[in-house]
Protein backbone atom coordinates (compact mmCIF):
# COMPACT_ATOMS: atom_id res chain seq x y z
CA MET A 1 206.28 -11.16 73.72
CA THR A 2 203.31 -12.18 71.25
CA VAL A 3 201.01 -10.12 70.29
CA ARG A 4 197.61 -11.76 70.04
CA THR A 5 196.07 -12.17 67.31
CA LEU A 6 192.69 -10.88 67.05
CA GLY A 7 189.83 -11.92 65.43
CA LYS A 8 187.34 -9.61 62.54
CA LYS A 9 184.63 -10.53 63.78
CA PHE A 10 183.57 -9.17 66.90
CA GLN A 11 180.44 -8.96 69.74
CA ASN A 12 179.49 -7.24 72.53
CA ILE A 13 176.61 -7.82 74.44
CA THR A 14 174.94 -8.08 77.87
CA ILE A 15 172.95 -11.14 78.81
CA ASN A 16 170.01 -11.72 81.13
CA GLY A 17 171.03 -14.58 83.14
CA ASN A 18 167.71 -14.80 84.99
CA ALA A 19 165.97 -15.40 82.01
CA VAL A 20 168.57 -17.62 79.97
CA PHE A 21 170.34 -20.76 81.63
CA ILE A 22 172.72 -21.23 77.93
CA ALA A 23 173.44 -18.41 75.74
CA THR A 24 174.17 -19.65 72.70
CA LEU A 25 177.22 -17.23 71.39
CA ILE A 26 177.73 -18.37 68.50
CA ALA A 27 174.82 -21.22 66.39
CA PRO A 28 176.32 -24.04 64.44
CA GLN A 29 174.87 -23.44 61.92
CA ASP A 30 177.00 -20.09 61.94
CA ASN A 31 180.13 -22.20 61.81
CA PRO A 32 180.35 -24.05 58.74
CA HIS A 33 183.95 -24.28 58.31
CA GLY A 34 185.40 -24.49 61.33
CA LEU A 35 186.61 -21.14 63.90
CA ILE A 36 188.97 -19.79 65.98
CA LEU A 37 187.73 -17.90 69.17
CA ARG A 38 190.47 -15.38 70.03
CA SER A 39 188.85 -14.03 73.09
CA CYS A 40 186.03 -14.24 75.81
CA SER A 41 186.28 -11.88 78.40
CA ASN A 42 182.92 -12.80 81.27
CA GLY A 43 184.48 -14.43 83.78
CA ARG A 44 181.71 -17.71 82.89
CA GLU A 45 182.08 -20.68 81.47
CA ILE A 46 182.18 -21.47 77.62
CA THR A 47 181.28 -24.95 75.93
CA TYR A 48 180.85 -25.75 72.51
CA GLY A 49 179.17 -28.37 70.65
CA THR A 50 177.40 -29.74 67.81
CA SER A 51 173.93 -28.87 69.12
CA ARG A 52 173.11 -26.38 72.53
CA PRO A 53 172.71 -28.28 75.67
CA THR A 54 169.25 -29.62 77.01
CA GLY A 55 168.14 -28.96 80.68
CA ASP A 56 171.24 -29.11 83.02
CA ARG A 57 174.07 -26.64 82.65
CA PHE A 58 176.54 -28.56 82.83
CA ASP A 59 175.58 -30.82 80.03
CA LEU A 60 178.51 -33.29 80.14
CA THR A 61 178.64 -33.83 76.51
CA GLN A 62 180.07 -30.11 75.62
CA ILE A 63 183.26 -29.75 75.69
CA ARG A 64 184.44 -26.98 78.59
CA ILE A 65 187.67 -24.32 78.02
CA PRO A 66 188.27 -22.88 81.41
CA THR A 67 187.36 -19.16 81.37
CA ALA A 68 190.94 -17.97 82.27
CA TYR A 69 192.16 -19.79 78.59
CA LEU A 70 190.64 -17.15 76.89
CA LEU A 71 192.82 -14.81 78.15
CA THR A 72 195.93 -15.80 76.82
CA ASN A 73 195.32 -18.76 74.20
CA ASP A 74 193.04 -19.03 70.98
CA VAL A 75 190.65 -22.04 70.73
CA PHE A 76 189.97 -24.21 67.39
CA VAL A 77 186.36 -24.69 67.15
CA PRO A 78 184.95 -27.60 64.37
CA ALA A 79 183.02 -27.04 61.82
CA GLY A 80 179.45 -27.72 62.97
CA ASN A 81 179.52 -26.69 66.51
CA GLY A 82 177.90 -23.69 68.19
CA VAL A 83 179.78 -21.96 71.40
CA PHE A 84 177.93 -21.70 74.04
CA MET A 85 177.74 -19.68 77.93
CA ASN A 86 176.98 -21.13 80.94
CA THR A 87 175.47 -18.23 82.46
CA SER A 88 174.09 -17.80 86.12
CA ALA A 89 171.12 -15.77 88.10
CA ASP A 90 172.34 -12.60 87.05
CA PHE A 91 170.52 -9.86 85.47
CA VAL A 92 173.67 -7.70 83.86
CA ILE A 93 176.30 -10.37 82.09
CA PRO A 94 177.89 -8.46 79.35
CA VAL A 95 180.40 -11.07 76.91
CA GLN A 96 183.15 -8.64 75.14
CA MET A 97 184.49 -11.74 72.38
CA SER A 98 186.34 -12.05 68.67
CA TRP A 99 186.63 -15.03 66.29
CA ASP A 100 187.79 -14.99 62.73
CA VAL A 101 185.65 -18.18 60.68
CA LEU A 102 187.23 -20.02 58.49
CA ASN A 103 187.65 -21.32 54.45
CA ALA A 104 187.55 -24.72 54.05
CA ASP A 105 190.84 -24.99 53.41
CA GLY A 106 191.66 -24.00 57.32
CA THR A 107 192.56 -20.71 56.01
CA VAL A 108 191.08 -17.59 57.64
CA ALA A 109 188.64 -15.89 55.93
């Protein structure tokens, strides 16, 4: 059994799902060379795209990442894309995630 790499950057936050329908976890401007999303546990759908979805939380212009996929796999998010989460009507949504940012040559920073 291989050991998974944890990202060098971590985020442990709580989101109020009644106030926000789509939460920005990593903004597009914070991803200049791409990143590798190592883990994200929150039980909700994660998407990524070049801009934050507007209106409908199930915007089909975003690339969807199944929740269970991040438990065992890493996800490459291309440069200029942000990571977003669809919330639900819940006051307390914990999000624990880790990721690595990449250098311009594709190596982990």
